[in-house]
N, C-alpha and C. Protein backbone atom coordinates (compact mmCIF):
# COMPACT_ATOMS: atom_id res chain seq x y z
N UNK A 1 -6.26 -4.07 15.37
CA UNK A 1 -6.82 -5.11 14.42
C UNK A 1 -5.72 -6.17 14.23
N UNK A 2 -6.20 -7.37 14.42
CA UNK A 2 -5.33 -8.55 14.10
C UNK A 2 -5.23 -8.53 12.67
N UNK A 3 -3.90 -8.96 12.33
CA UNK A 3 -3.25 -9.15 10.89
C UNK A 3 -4.14 -9.98 10.04
N UNK A 4 -4.61 -11.11 10.74
CA UNK A 4 -5.35 -12.03 9.96
C UNK A 4 -6.88 -11.44 9.55
N UNK A 5 -7.57 -10.65 10.41
CA UNK A 5 -8.72 -10.11 10.12
C UNK A 5 -8.35 -8.99 9.03
N UNK A 6 -7.35 -8.14 9.12
CA UNK A 6 -7.09 -7.22 8.15
C UNK A 6 -6.91 -7.92 6.78
N UNK A 7 -6.28 -8.96 6.76
CA UNK A 7 -6.05 -9.69 5.39
C UNK A 7 -7.30 -10.13 4.69
N UNK A 8 -8.12 -10.70 5.61
CA UNK A 8 -9.48 -11.18 5.28
C UNK A 8 -10.34 -10.09 4.66
N UNK A 9 -10.38 -8.93 5.38
CA UNK A 9 -11.12 -7.69 4.99
C UNK A 9 -10.73 -7.16 3.71
N UNK A 10 -9.46 -7.00 3.58
CA UNK A 10 -8.88 -6.45 2.23
C UNK A 10 -9.13 -7.49 1.24
N UNK A 11 -9.04 -8.86 1.45
CA UNK A 11 -9.27 -9.69 0.42
C UNK A 11 -10.53 -9.82 -0.08
N UNK A 12 -11.57 -9.68 0.94
CA UNK A 12 -12.94 -9.56 0.61
C UNK A 12 -13.28 -8.24 -0.33
N UNK A 13 -12.69 -7.22 0.24
CA UNK A 13 -13.08 -5.85 -0.43
C UNK A 13 -12.58 -5.91 -1.83
N UNK A 14 -11.40 -6.24 -1.99
CA UNK A 14 -10.86 -6.35 -3.37
C UNK A 14 -11.61 -7.23 -4.18
N UNK A 15 -12.15 -8.46 -3.75
CA UNK A 15 -12.75 -9.35 -4.44
C UNK A 15 -14.37 -8.61 -4.93
N UNK A 16 -14.76 -8.05 -3.91
CA UNK A 16 -15.95 -7.26 -4.43
C UNK A 16 -15.84 -6.12 -5.32
N UNK A 17 -14.75 -5.40 -5.33
CA UNK A 17 -14.36 -4.41 -6.28
C UNK A 17 -14.24 -4.92 -7.61
N UNK A 18 -13.49 -6.16 -7.64
CA UNK A 18 -13.23 -6.71 -9.02
C UNK A 18 -14.59 -7.34 -9.50
N UNK A 19 -15.50 -7.98 -8.75
CA UNK A 19 -16.60 -8.39 -9.22
C UNK A 19 -17.67 -7.45 -9.74
N UNK A 20 -17.49 -6.25 -8.69
CA UNK A 20 -18.32 -5.08 -9.17
C UNK A 20 -17.99 -4.52 -10.60
N UNK A 21 -16.78 -4.31 -10.72
CA UNK A 21 -16.37 -3.84 -12.16
C UNK A 21 -16.88 -4.71 -13.20
N UNK A 22 -16.56 -5.91 -13.01
CA UNK A 22 -16.95 -6.91 -14.14
C UNK A 22 -18.43 -6.95 -14.29
N UNK A 23 -19.27 -6.77 -13.15
CA UNK A 23 -20.64 -6.65 -13.27
C UNK A 23 -21.21 -5.44 -13.95
N UNK A 24 -20.53 -4.27 -13.73
CA UNK A 24 -20.93 -2.99 -14.34
C UNK A 24 -20.69 -3.22 -15.94
N UNK A 25 -19.73 -4.06 -16.27
CA UNK A 25 -19.46 -4.15 -17.82
C UNK A 25 -20.24 -5.18 -18.31
N UNK A 26 -20.90 -5.82 -17.74
CA UNK A 26 -21.97 -7.04 -18.16
C UNK A 26 -23.34 -6.40 -18.31
N UNK A 27 -23.94 -6.55 -19.55
CA UNK A 27 -25.35 -6.14 -19.71
C UNK A 27 -26.27 -6.89 -18.78
N UNK A 28 -27.07 -6.05 -18.26
CA UNK A 28 -28.03 -6.62 -17.31
C UNK A 28 -27.61 -6.84 -15.87
N UNK A 29 -26.36 -6.54 -15.76
CA UNK A 29 -25.79 -6.70 -14.30
C UNK A 29 -25.26 -5.47 -13.71
N UNK A 30 -25.38 -4.41 -14.36
CA UNK A 30 -24.74 -3.14 -14.00
C UNK A 30 -25.25 -2.53 -12.55
N UNK A 31 -26.40 -2.82 -12.26
CA UNK A 31 -26.92 -2.34 -10.93
C UNK A 31 -26.14 -3.24 -9.79
N UNK A 32 -26.36 -4.50 -10.06
CA UNK A 32 -25.69 -5.48 -9.06
C UNK A 32 -24.41 -5.22 -8.94
N UNK A 33 -23.57 -5.09 -10.15
CA UNK A 33 -22.05 -4.78 -10.20
C UNK A 33 -21.78 -3.52 -9.39
N UNK A 34 -22.61 -2.28 -9.51
CA UNK A 34 -22.28 -1.02 -8.95
C UNK A 34 -22.43 -1.19 -7.41
N UNK A 35 -23.49 -1.93 -6.92
CA UNK A 35 -23.57 -2.19 -5.50
C UNK A 35 -22.31 -2.99 -4.93
N UNK A 36 -21.91 -3.90 -5.58
CA UNK A 36 -20.87 -4.76 -5.15
C UNK A 36 -19.56 -3.88 -5.10
N UNK A 37 -19.32 -3.10 -6.13
CA UNK A 37 -18.27 -2.21 -6.32
C UNK A 37 -18.22 -1.23 -5.11
N UNK A 38 -19.33 -0.63 -4.93
CA UNK A 38 -19.45 0.47 -3.90
C UNK A 38 -19.21 -0.29 -2.40
N UNK A 39 -19.82 -1.38 -2.17
CA UNK A 39 -19.53 -2.00 -1.00
C UNK A 39 -18.05 -2.56 -0.84
N UNK A 40 -17.43 -2.88 -1.85
CA UNK A 40 -16.05 -3.30 -1.87
C UNK A 40 -15.20 -1.91 -1.42
N UNK A 41 -15.47 -0.93 -2.10
CA UNK A 41 -14.63 0.40 -1.83
C UNK A 41 -15.00 0.85 -0.25
N UNK A 42 -16.27 0.76 0.15
CA UNK A 42 -16.38 1.11 1.47
C UNK A 42 -15.79 0.13 2.49
N UNK A 43 -15.63 -1.08 2.12
CA UNK A 43 -15.10 -2.06 2.97
C UNK A 43 -13.62 -1.77 3.13
N UNK A 44 -13.16 -1.57 1.91
CA UNK A 44 -11.40 -1.30 1.71
C UNK A 44 -11.13 0.11 2.49
N UNK A 45 -12.08 0.99 2.36
CA UNK A 45 -11.56 2.43 2.93
C UNK A 45 -11.74 2.06 4.51
N UNK A 46 -12.63 1.45 4.98
CA UNK A 46 -12.88 1.20 6.46
C UNK A 46 -11.82 0.32 6.94
N UNK A 47 -11.20 -0.61 6.18
CA UNK A 47 -10.00 -1.31 6.73
C UNK A 47 -8.86 -0.59 6.65
N UNK A 48 -8.51 0.27 5.63
CA UNK A 48 -7.43 0.99 5.51
C UNK A 48 -7.36 1.99 6.69
N UNK A 49 -8.45 2.50 6.81
CA UNK A 49 -8.57 3.54 8.06
C UNK A 49 -8.18 2.93 9.21
N UNK A 50 -8.74 1.68 9.60
CA UNK A 50 -8.34 1.10 10.78
C UNK A 50 -6.89 0.62 10.93
N UNK A 51 -6.31 0.21 9.73
CA UNK A 51 -4.95 -0.15 9.55
C UNK A 51 -4.17 1.11 10.03
N UNK A 52 -4.37 2.46 9.56
CA UNK A 52 -3.80 3.60 9.66
C UNK A 52 -3.83 3.95 11.17
N UNK A 53 -5.12 3.74 11.85
CA UNK A 53 -5.01 4.06 13.26
C UNK A 53 -4.10 3.32 14.22
N UNK A 54 -3.77 2.19 13.66
CA UNK A 54 -2.55 1.41 14.57
C UNK A 54 -1.42 2.25 14.39
N UNK A 55 -1.15 2.87 13.63
CA UNK A 55 0.28 3.68 13.34
C UNK A 55 1.30 2.67 13.30
N UNK A 56 1.17 1.35 12.89
CA UNK A 56 2.05 0.20 12.88
C UNK A 56 2.47 0.23 11.43
N UNK A 57 3.68 0.43 11.08
CA UNK A 57 4.15 0.53 9.64
C UNK A 57 3.90 -0.94 9.15
N UNK A 58 4.33 -1.90 9.96
CA UNK A 58 3.96 -3.45 9.48
C UNK A 58 2.47 -3.71 9.00
N UNK A 59 1.56 -3.28 9.99
CA UNK A 59 0.19 -3.45 9.59
C UNK A 59 -0.32 -2.60 8.43
N UNK A 60 0.25 -1.41 8.38
CA UNK A 60 -0.28 -0.58 7.26
C UNK A 60 0.38 -1.18 6.04
N UNK A 61 1.50 -1.58 5.81
CA UNK A 61 2.13 -2.02 4.48
C UNK A 61 1.54 -3.37 4.31
N UNK A 62 1.12 -4.20 5.39
CA UNK A 62 0.48 -5.61 5.09
C UNK A 62 -0.85 -5.40 4.42
N UNK A 63 -1.56 -4.28 4.77
CA UNK A 63 -2.83 -3.86 4.15
C UNK A 63 -2.68 -3.58 2.65
N UNK A 64 -1.75 -2.85 2.46
CA UNK A 64 -1.37 -2.36 1.09
C UNK A 64 -0.78 -3.49 0.25
N UNK A 65 0.08 -4.38 0.80
CA UNK A 65 0.70 -5.46 0.14
C UNK A 65 -0.46 -6.38 -0.29
N UNK A 66 -1.55 -6.79 0.66
CA UNK A 66 -2.52 -7.62 0.33
C UNK A 66 -3.33 -7.08 -0.77
N UNK A 67 -3.67 -5.82 -0.73
CA UNK A 67 -4.59 -5.12 -1.85
C UNK A 67 -3.86 -5.28 -3.08
N UNK A 68 -2.52 -4.88 -3.27
CA UNK A 68 -2.00 -4.98 -4.40
C UNK A 68 -1.68 -6.39 -4.85
N UNK A 69 -1.52 -7.43 -4.19
CA UNK A 69 -1.43 -8.83 -4.56
C UNK A 69 -2.93 -9.32 -5.16
N UNK A 70 -3.97 -8.69 -4.50
CA UNK A 70 -5.33 -8.95 -5.11
C UNK A 70 -5.41 -8.29 -6.39
N UNK A 71 -4.94 -7.09 -6.59
CA UNK A 71 -4.96 -6.41 -7.79
C UNK A 71 -4.21 -7.09 -8.88
N UNK A 72 -3.22 -7.76 -8.53
CA UNK A 72 -2.35 -8.55 -9.41
C UNK A 72 -3.07 -9.63 -9.97
N UNK A 73 -3.70 -10.33 -8.95
CA UNK A 73 -4.47 -11.56 -9.23
C UNK A 73 -5.63 -11.38 -10.18
N UNK A 74 -6.32 -10.23 -9.95
CA UNK A 74 -7.41 -9.92 -10.71
C UNK A 74 -7.20 -9.15 -12.18
N UNK A 75 -5.86 -8.69 -12.20
CA UNK A 75 -5.55 -7.93 -13.49
C UNK A 75 -5.55 -8.69 -14.64
N UNK A 76 -5.86 -8.08 -15.87
CA UNK A 76 -6.11 -8.88 -17.19
C UNK A 76 -4.68 -9.01 -17.57
N UNK A 77 -4.41 -10.26 -17.90
CA UNK A 77 -2.98 -11.03 -18.18
C UNK A 77 -2.48 -10.25 -19.29
N UNK A 78 -3.30 -9.77 -20.33
CA UNK A 78 -2.74 -8.87 -21.40
C UNK A 78 -2.25 -7.58 -21.08
N UNK A 79 -2.59 -7.06 -19.97
CA UNK A 79 -2.22 -5.76 -19.53
C UNK A 79 -0.72 -5.69 -19.05
N UNK A 80 0.14 -5.83 -19.80
CA UNK A 80 1.61 -5.88 -19.30
C UNK A 80 2.06 -4.71 -18.49
N UNK A 81 1.63 -3.48 -18.74
CA UNK A 81 2.18 -2.39 -18.07
C UNK A 81 1.73 -2.33 -16.69
N UNK A 82 0.37 -2.68 -16.38
CA UNK A 82 -0.13 -2.82 -15.10
C UNK A 82 0.53 -4.09 -14.35
N UNK A 83 0.57 -5.11 -15.01
CA UNK A 83 1.08 -6.30 -14.46
C UNK A 83 2.59 -6.05 -14.05
N UNK A 84 3.33 -5.43 -14.86
CA UNK A 84 4.64 -5.08 -14.47
C UNK A 84 4.96 -4.23 -13.28
N UNK A 85 3.98 -3.10 -13.19
CA UNK A 85 3.94 -2.25 -12.27
C UNK A 85 3.56 -2.92 -10.82
N UNK A 86 2.48 -3.59 -10.81
CA UNK A 86 2.01 -4.34 -9.77
C UNK A 86 3.18 -5.37 -9.13
N UNK A 87 3.82 -5.87 -10.15
CA UNK A 87 4.87 -7.05 -9.66
C UNK A 87 6.03 -6.36 -9.04
N UNK A 88 6.35 -5.26 -9.77
CA UNK A 88 7.51 -4.31 -9.03
C UNK A 88 7.01 -3.81 -7.67
N UNK A 89 5.91 -3.50 -7.54
CA UNK A 89 5.28 -2.86 -6.06
C UNK A 89 5.45 -4.11 -5.12
N UNK A 90 4.93 -5.37 -5.49
CA UNK A 90 5.03 -6.49 -4.60
C UNK A 90 6.57 -6.68 -4.19
N UNK A 91 7.47 -6.86 -5.19
CA UNK A 91 8.97 -6.94 -4.92
C UNK A 91 9.38 -5.74 -4.00
N UNK A 92 9.02 -4.50 -4.25
CA UNK A 92 9.55 -3.58 -3.25
C UNK A 92 8.95 -3.70 -1.83
N UNK A 93 7.78 -4.05 -1.73
CA UNK A 93 7.16 -4.31 -0.45
C UNK A 93 7.82 -5.58 0.33
N UNK A 94 8.11 -6.54 -0.68
CA UNK A 94 8.92 -7.59 0.09
C UNK A 94 10.25 -7.17 0.80
N UNK A 95 10.83 -6.20 0.09
CA UNK A 95 12.06 -5.59 0.45
C UNK A 95 11.72 -4.85 1.85
N UNK A 96 10.59 -4.11 1.65
CA UNK A 96 10.11 -3.20 2.87
C UNK A 96 9.97 -4.02 4.12
N UNK A 97 9.42 -5.29 4.00
CA UNK A 97 9.16 -6.17 5.09
C UNK A 97 10.57 -6.42 5.88
N UNK A 98 11.58 -6.76 4.91
CA UNK A 98 12.82 -6.95 5.38
C UNK A 98 13.51 -5.93 6.06
N UNK A 99 13.32 -4.61 5.54
CA UNK A 99 13.76 -3.52 6.28
C UNK A 99 13.18 -3.35 7.69
N UNK A 100 11.73 -3.63 7.77
CA UNK A 100 11.03 -3.46 9.01
C UNK A 100 11.58 -4.47 10.06
N UNK A 101 11.94 -5.65 9.52
CA UNK A 101 12.60 -6.58 10.44
C UNK A 101 14.05 -6.08 11.03
N UNK A 102 14.76 -5.55 9.92
CA UNK A 102 16.15 -5.10 10.24
C UNK A 102 16.15 -3.95 11.31
N UNK A 103 15.30 -2.90 11.13
CA UNK A 103 15.04 -1.76 11.93
C UNK A 103 14.97 -2.09 13.47
N UNK A 104 14.36 -3.26 13.68
CA UNK A 104 14.06 -3.68 15.09
C UNK A 104 15.25 -4.40 15.65
N UNK A 105 16.44 -4.57 14.88
CA UNK A 105 17.61 -5.27 15.24
C UNK A 105 18.60 -4.21 15.74
N UNK A 106 19.35 -4.34 16.74
CA UNK A 106 20.37 -3.35 17.25
C UNK A 106 21.43 -3.13 16.14
N UNK A 107 21.74 -4.12 15.33
CA UNK A 107 22.79 -3.92 14.31
C UNK A 107 22.31 -2.91 13.19
N UNK A 108 21.16 -2.52 13.22
CA UNK A 108 20.63 -1.43 12.05
C UNK A 108 21.33 -0.29 12.08
N UNK A 109 21.66 0.25 13.29
CA UNK A 109 22.51 1.32 13.47
C UNK A 109 23.59 1.39 12.45
N UNK A 110 24.24 0.34 12.15
CA UNK A 110 25.40 0.28 11.31
C UNK A 110 25.04 0.63 9.87
N UNK A 111 23.61 0.59 9.43
CA UNK A 111 23.24 1.03 8.11
C UNK A 111 23.52 2.54 7.91
N UNK A 112 23.69 3.32 9.04
CA UNK A 112 23.86 4.66 8.86
C UNK A 112 25.16 4.85 8.08
N UNK A 113 26.11 3.95 8.33
CA UNK A 113 27.51 4.05 7.63
C UNK A 113 27.48 3.65 6.13
N UNK A 114 26.40 2.95 5.76
CA UNK A 114 26.22 2.31 4.51
C UNK A 114 25.57 3.23 3.37
N UNK A 115 24.91 4.22 4.04
CA UNK A 115 23.92 5.03 3.03
C UNK A 115 24.67 6.39 3.01
N UNK A 116 24.74 6.96 1.87
CA UNK A 116 25.24 8.27 1.59
C UNK A 116 24.42 9.33 2.47
N UNK A 117 25.15 10.32 2.88
CA UNK A 117 24.47 11.27 3.67
C UNK A 117 23.88 12.53 2.87
N UNK A 118 23.96 12.29 1.59
CA UNK A 118 23.41 13.36 0.56
C UNK A 118 21.74 13.26 0.95
N UNK A 119 21.14 14.43 0.68
CA UNK A 119 19.58 14.65 1.05
C UNK A 119 18.94 13.58 0.15
N UNK A 120 19.37 13.35 -1.12
CA UNK A 120 18.59 12.30 -1.96
C UNK A 120 18.70 10.86 -1.38
N UNK A 121 19.50 10.57 -0.37
CA UNK A 121 19.33 9.37 0.08
C UNK A 121 19.05 9.28 1.61
N UNK A 122 18.27 10.34 1.97
CA UNK A 122 17.75 10.63 3.40
C UNK A 122 16.28 10.97 3.31
N UNK A 123 15.70 10.40 4.50
CA UNK A 123 14.33 10.89 4.67
C UNK A 123 14.34 11.49 6.11
N UNK A 124 14.18 12.75 6.24
CA UNK A 124 14.11 13.27 7.47
C UNK A 124 15.48 12.98 8.35
N UNK A 125 16.61 13.02 7.61
CA UNK A 125 17.86 12.72 8.19
C UNK A 125 18.16 11.29 8.25
N UNK A 126 17.22 10.29 8.05
CA UNK A 126 17.58 8.97 8.28
C UNK A 126 17.64 8.24 6.99
N UNK A 127 18.37 7.20 7.05
CA UNK A 127 18.52 6.28 5.72
C UNK A 127 17.29 6.01 4.90
N UNK A 128 17.33 6.37 3.68
CA UNK A 128 16.24 5.96 2.66
C UNK A 128 16.38 4.66 2.19
N UNK A 129 15.97 3.72 3.11
CA UNK A 129 16.26 2.21 2.79
C UNK A 129 15.13 1.56 2.11
N UNK A 130 14.97 0.33 1.90
CA UNK A 130 13.95 -0.18 1.10
C UNK A 130 12.42 0.00 1.58
N UNK A 131 12.41 0.33 2.83
CA UNK A 131 10.95 0.74 3.16
C UNK A 131 10.52 2.02 2.73
N UNK A 132 11.30 3.03 2.72
CA UNK A 132 11.02 4.30 2.21
C UNK A 132 10.97 4.31 0.79
N UNK A 133 11.74 3.43 0.04
CA UNK A 133 11.85 3.31 -1.43
C UNK A 133 10.25 2.73 -1.88
N UNK A 134 10.01 1.58 -1.17
CA UNK A 134 8.68 0.98 -1.47
C UNK A 134 7.39 1.98 -1.31
N UNK A 135 7.44 2.81 -0.16
CA UNK A 135 6.46 3.57 0.08
C UNK A 135 6.41 4.83 -0.99
N UNK A 136 7.70 5.28 -1.11
CA UNK A 136 7.70 6.50 -2.20
C UNK A 136 7.42 6.11 -3.55
N UNK A 137 7.75 4.95 -4.05
CA UNK A 137 7.50 4.51 -5.46
C UNK A 137 5.92 4.21 -5.58
N UNK A 138 5.36 3.53 -4.42
CA UNK A 138 3.92 3.17 -4.37
C UNK A 138 3.08 4.40 -4.26
N UNK A 139 3.37 5.47 -3.57
CA UNK A 139 2.77 6.66 -3.53
C UNK A 139 2.80 7.32 -4.90
N UNK A 140 3.84 7.27 -5.62
CA UNK A 140 3.75 7.82 -6.98
C UNK A 140 2.70 6.98 -7.88
N UNK A 141 2.72 5.76 -7.81
CA UNK A 141 1.84 4.86 -8.44
C UNK A 141 0.40 5.33 -8.19
N UNK A 142 0.12 5.54 -6.98
CA UNK A 142 -1.18 5.89 -6.60
C UNK A 142 -1.40 7.22 -6.86
N UNK A 143 -0.71 8.15 -6.98
CA UNK A 143 -0.88 9.63 -7.47
C UNK A 143 -1.18 9.68 -8.95
N UNK A 144 -0.35 8.78 -9.73
CA UNK A 144 -0.64 8.55 -11.03
C UNK A 144 -2.20 8.10 -11.25
N UNK A 145 -2.58 7.18 -10.53
CA UNK A 145 -4.04 6.83 -10.62
C UNK A 145 -5.08 8.02 -10.19
N UNK A 146 -4.66 8.59 -9.31
CA UNK A 146 -5.45 9.76 -8.93
C UNK A 146 -5.64 10.70 -10.01
N UNK A 147 -4.65 10.83 -10.88
CA UNK A 147 -4.78 11.86 -11.84
C UNK A 147 -5.35 11.33 -13.04
N UNK A 148 -5.60 10.04 -13.10
CA UNK A 148 -6.45 9.62 -14.24
C UNK A 148 -7.78 10.32 -14.64
N UNK A 149 -8.12 10.72 -15.75
CA UNK A 149 -9.40 11.38 -16.06
C UNK A 149 -10.53 10.12 -15.84
N UNK A 150 -11.54 10.70 -15.34
CA UNK A 150 -12.81 9.71 -15.27
C UNK A 150 -12.77 8.79 -14.22
N UNK A 151 -11.77 8.84 -13.16
CA UNK A 151 -11.84 7.94 -12.10
C UNK A 151 -13.10 8.09 -11.10
N UNK A 152 -13.75 7.03 -10.82
CA UNK A 152 -14.90 7.11 -9.97
C UNK A 152 -14.42 7.81 -8.70
N UNK A 153 -15.42 8.79 -8.26
CA UNK A 153 -15.27 9.59 -6.94
C UNK A 153 -15.04 8.73 -5.78
N UNK A 154 -15.73 7.62 -5.71
CA UNK A 154 -15.59 6.76 -4.49
C UNK A 154 -14.18 5.84 -4.62
N UNK A 155 -13.69 5.62 -5.66
CA UNK A 155 -12.53 5.00 -5.93
C UNK A 155 -11.32 5.97 -5.57
N UNK A 156 -11.68 7.36 -6.03
CA UNK A 156 -10.62 8.17 -5.74
C UNK A 156 -10.44 8.37 -4.19
N UNK A 157 -11.52 8.24 -3.36
CA UNK A 157 -11.47 8.27 -1.88
C UNK A 157 -10.54 7.19 -1.52
N UNK A 158 -10.76 5.92 -2.13
CA UNK A 158 -9.90 4.92 -1.48
C UNK A 158 -8.39 5.15 -1.82
N UNK A 159 -8.08 5.61 -2.98
CA UNK A 159 -6.86 5.83 -3.38
C UNK A 159 -6.28 6.82 -2.49
N UNK A 160 -6.87 8.01 -2.06
CA UNK A 160 -6.57 8.97 -1.05
C UNK A 160 -6.16 8.40 0.31
N UNK A 161 -7.08 7.36 0.74
CA UNK A 161 -6.80 6.86 1.99
C UNK A 161 -5.56 6.08 1.98
N UNK A 162 -5.42 5.21 0.97
CA UNK A 162 -4.13 4.48 0.77
C UNK A 162 -2.92 5.25 0.65
N UNK A 163 -3.07 6.51 0.13
CA UNK A 163 -1.86 7.43 0.09
C UNK A 163 -1.66 7.85 1.44
N UNK A 164 -2.71 8.27 2.19
CA UNK A 164 -2.55 8.60 3.61
C UNK A 164 -1.91 7.72 4.42
N UNK A 165 -2.19 6.39 4.20
CA UNK A 165 -1.74 5.29 5.09
C UNK A 165 -0.16 5.10 4.73
N UNK A 166 0.15 5.35 3.54
CA UNK A 166 1.67 5.24 3.29
C UNK A 166 2.48 6.31 3.91
N UNK A 167 1.99 7.50 4.08
CA UNK A 167 2.62 8.67 4.71
C UNK A 167 2.61 8.28 6.19
N UNK A 168 1.60 7.75 6.90
CA UNK A 168 1.51 7.28 8.17
C UNK A 168 2.56 6.41 8.46
N UNK A 169 2.63 5.37 7.50
CA UNK A 169 3.57 4.21 7.67
C UNK A 169 5.13 4.90 7.83
N UNK A 170 5.29 5.63 6.89
CA UNK A 170 6.75 6.25 6.92
C UNK A 170 6.95 7.06 8.18
N UNK A 171 6.18 7.85 8.54
CA UNK A 171 6.43 8.62 9.84
C UNK A 171 6.61 7.54 11.04
N UNK A 172 5.80 6.66 10.95
CA UNK A 172 6.00 5.55 12.24
C UNK A 172 7.32 4.82 11.97
N UNK A 173 7.84 4.63 10.73
CA UNK A 173 8.94 3.81 10.40
C UNK A 173 10.07 4.65 10.77
N UNK A 174 10.06 6.05 10.57
CA UNK A 174 11.17 6.90 10.96
C UNK A 174 11.30 6.99 12.38
N UNK A 175 10.28 6.73 13.18
CA UNK A 175 10.33 6.67 14.66
C UNK A 175 11.10 5.64 15.04
N UNK A 176 10.93 4.47 14.35
CA UNK A 176 11.69 3.32 14.64
C UNK A 176 13.14 3.52 14.21
N UNK A 177 13.48 4.04 13.13
CA UNK A 177 14.79 4.35 12.76
C UNK A 177 15.58 5.26 13.76
N UNK A 178 14.66 6.37 14.15
CA UNK A 178 15.32 7.34 15.31
C UNK A 178 15.60 6.57 16.62
N UNK A 179 14.66 5.66 16.95
CA UNK A 179 14.97 5.02 18.09
C UNK A 179 16.28 4.25 18.12
N UNK A 180 16.39 3.49 16.98
CA UNK A 180 17.59 2.52 16.99
C UNK A 180 18.81 3.33 16.75
N UNK A 181 18.58 4.41 15.96
CA UNK A 181 19.88 5.34 15.68
C UNK A 181 20.44 6.06 17.15
N UNK A 182 19.39 6.37 17.94
CA UNK A 182 19.83 7.04 19.07
C UNK A 182 19.85 6.23 20.47
N UNK A 183 20.02 4.92 20.20
CA UNK A 183 20.21 3.91 21.41
C UNK A 183 21.60 4.03 21.82
């Protein structure tokens, strides 16, 4: 999947989800809102699954990054807790993109010397850099959403797919780390 197509699909899905939520909450628009919401969720799940099949950590986190930026755009500005959480996620993924760039450079192996060898700073033996930190913190954020009472079952499916994507991204990223460390 081309990155541009992925971004467009995520953008459209997030927009439908937001419009659907607003429609459901509007008298006389509930049915239309529910249809938009369900279409948006289905489109998002399909796109996240396509991203996951690439096993490319850049594509996978690009999908997540685009989605959380859309959530941030649609978030009610008075909801400071959610706004701060989403802003933190965006910043962590900004750092993750830098780590992805760095892991492809031959000098990345030097990072091994800058990270403690304690298990708290390692992921399967490799440095727990900003890529892993972004994925782990965002997995926690998604798991918190999954444990929210009253979450719509189809939205639950989307959250589970996003969680699976982050795990796939980390496995693929570890392969990149392994490759550069063993050169």
